Protein backbone atom coordinates (compact mmCIF):
# COMPACT_ATOMS: atom_id res chain seq x y z
CA MET A 1 13.86 -1.96 6.10
CA GLU A 2 12.24 1.20 7.19
CA ASN A 3 10.74 1.94 10.71
CA GLN A 4 8.19 -0.12 12.63
CA PRO A 5 7.26 -2.55 10.38
CA ILE A 6 3.60 -3.76 11.28
CA ARG A 7 1.69 -5.98 8.70
CA LEU A 8 2.73 -7.24 5.36
CA THR A 9 1.10 -9.20 2.73
CA TYR A 10 2.41 -11.52 -0.34
CA ASP A 11 2.29 -11.60 -4.05
CA SER A 12 3.15 -14.95 -4.79
CA GLY A 13 3.10 -14.46 -8.67
CA LYS A 14 6.12 -12.13 -8.48
CA GLY A 15 7.29 -13.40 -5.48
CA GLU A 16 7.27 -9.96 -3.48
CA ILE A 17 6.53 -9.35 0.27
CA PHE A 18 5.15 -5.95 0.69
CA VAL A 19 5.47 -4.55 4.29
CA ALA A 20 3.54 -1.67 6.06
CA ASN A 21 5.94 0.56 7.81
CA HIS A 22 4.17 1.98 10.72
CA GLY A 23 6.73 4.36 11.99
CA SER A 24 7.79 5.62 8.15
CA ASN A 25 4.37 6.08 6.74
CA SER A 26 5.87 3.89 3.89
CA VAL A 27 5.50 0.39 2.26
CA SER A 28 8.58 -1.76 1.45
CA VAL A 29 8.84 -4.34 -1.15
CA ILE A 30 11.02 -7.12 -0.56
CA ALA A 31 12.05 -9.70 -3.22
CA GLU A 32 11.78 -13.17 -1.76
CA SER A 33 14.58 -14.33 -4.55
CA ASN A 34 17.17 -12.41 -2.24
CA TYR A 35 15.49 -10.71 0.34
CA THR A 36 16.40 -7.35 -0.66
CA VAL A 37 14.25 -4.34 -0.64
CA VAL A 38 13.63 -3.28 -4.22
CA ALA A 39 11.29 -0.35 -3.62
CA THR A 40 9.83 2.05 -0.93
CA MET A 41 6.72 3.87 -1.23
CA PRO A 42 5.32 6.70 0.90
CA VAL A 43 1.71 6.10 1.69
CA GLY A 44 -0.35 7.79 4.65
CA ILE A 45 0.01 8.21 8.21
CA GLN A 46 0.76 5.24 10.16
CA PRO A 47 -0.27 2.27 7.69
CA ASN A 48 -1.67 -0.59 9.91
CA ALA A 49 -3.35 -2.86 7.79
CA MET A 50 -2.91 -4.19 3.96
CA ASP A 51 -4.05 -6.51 1.62
CA TYR A 52 -3.32 -7.95 -2.01
CA ASP A 53 -5.66 -8.26 -5.03
CA SER A 54 -4.00 -10.73 -7.03
CA GLY A 55 -6.62 -10.36 -9.76
CA ASN A 56 -5.89 -6.65 -10.53
CA GLY A 57 -2.36 -6.39 -8.96
CA ARG A 58 -3.19 -4.14 -6.35
CA ILE A 59 -1.88 -3.68 -2.99
CA TYR A 60 -4.54 -1.72 -0.28
CA VAL A 61 -2.85 -0.08 2.41
CA ALA A 62 -5.07 1.21 5.49
CA ASN A 63 -3.50 4.47 6.78
CA TYR A 64 -4.80 4.82 10.21
CA ASN A 65 -3.83 8.65 11.10
CA SER A 66 -4.76 9.79 7.61
CA ASN A 67 -8.20 8.10 7.40
CA SER A 68 -7.60 6.66 3.87
CA ILE A 69 -6.68 3.63 1.89
CA SER A 70 -3.67 3.75 -0.13
CA VAL A 71 -3.81 1.82 -3.30
CA ILE A 72 -0.67 0.66 -4.86
CA SER A 73 0.35 -0.91 -8.30
CA ASP A 74 2.60 -4.06 -8.00
CA SER A 75 3.59 -3.84 -11.68
CA ASN A 76 5.42 -0.23 -10.94
CA TYR A 77 5.10 0.30 -7.36
CA ALA A 78 3.05 3.46 -7.59
CA ILE A 79 0.27 4.91 -5.52
CA ILE A 80 -2.27 4.60 -8.25
CA GLY A 81 -5.18 5.93 -5.93
CA ASN A 82 -6.10 7.27 -2.39
CA ILE A 83 -9.42 6.31 -0.88
CA PRO A 84 -10.85 8.84 1.79
CA LEU A 85 -12.20 7.10 4.77
CA GLU A 86 -14.68 8.39 7.47
CA GLY A 87 -12.71 7.11 10.48
CA GLN A 88 -9.64 5.65 11.47
CA PRO A 89 -9.03 2.33 9.55
CA GLN A 90 -8.33 -0.67 11.80
CA ALA A 91 -8.34 -3.62 9.68
CA ILE A 92 -9.37 -4.33 6.14
CA GLY A 93 -10.07 -7.32 3.91
CA TYR A 94 -10.38 -7.77 0.29
CA ASN A 95 -12.89 -9.87 -1.88
CA SER A 96 -11.89 -10.50 -5.32
CA GLY A 97 -14.81 -12.26 -6.50
CA LYS A 98 -17.06 -8.89 -5.70
CA GLY A 99 -14.33 -6.31 -6.06
CA LYS A 100 -15.17 -5.29 -2.84
CA LEU A 101 -12.81 -3.83 -0.27
CA PHE A 102 -13.99 -4.07 3.92
CA VAL A 103 -12.80 -1.77 6.16
CA ALA A 104 -13.06 -1.76 9.99
CA TYR A 105 -13.14 1.04 12.45
CA SER A 106 -12.92 -0.39 16.07
CA GLU A 107 -13.44 3.23 17.83
CA SER A 108 -16.76 3.70 16.02
CA HIS A 109 -18.11 0.03 15.79
CA ARG A 110 -18.27 0.34 11.89
CA VAL A 111 -17.39 -1.47 8.79
CA SER A 112 -17.40 0.20 5.32
CA VAL A 113 -17.71 -1.46 2.06
CA ILE A 114 -15.92 -0.31 -0.70
CA SER A 115 -16.13 -1.10 -4.51
CA VAL A 116 -12.55 -0.62 -5.87
CA SER A 117 -13.41 -1.12 -9.43
CA SER A 118 -13.52 2.57 -10.03
CA ILE A 119 -10.19 3.59 -8.70
CA PRO A 120 -9.86 6.45 -8.00
CA GLN A 121 -13.20 7.32 -7.66
CA PRO A 122 -14.63 4.31 -5.67
CA SER A 123 -17.97 4.09 -4.11
CA LEU A 124 -18.12 3.86 -0.09
CA SER A 125 -20.83 2.58 2.16
CA ILE A 126 -21.09 2.55 5.82
CA LEU A 127 -22.62 -0.40 7.57
CA GLU A 128 -23.43 0.40 11.57
């Protein structure tokens, strides 16, 4: 495990736990079958929130001090996209039915709605 694990999300289909390592700027993958780390990927600075989309096998990681979302494929643990944001993301949630990612910014009192169907060129809308 890396430094300062802070958030996690679970892939029940593959039996894997994805852990955001806030202090290491990475995400680790733990196999549920034997609780070993099978991969670690670098992401942006201070990942602090994440969510999983079982429909397309993507993990969305909010990088607080990079003002971005890293998109990871759960099939090969590769970073397949990076979504720039207009602020520091505090929390995220994914709606698989609509293909929308919601990003909350506590300091600016805003929420972004991101259409993720067009990764790596997503569309971004700001709700104030």
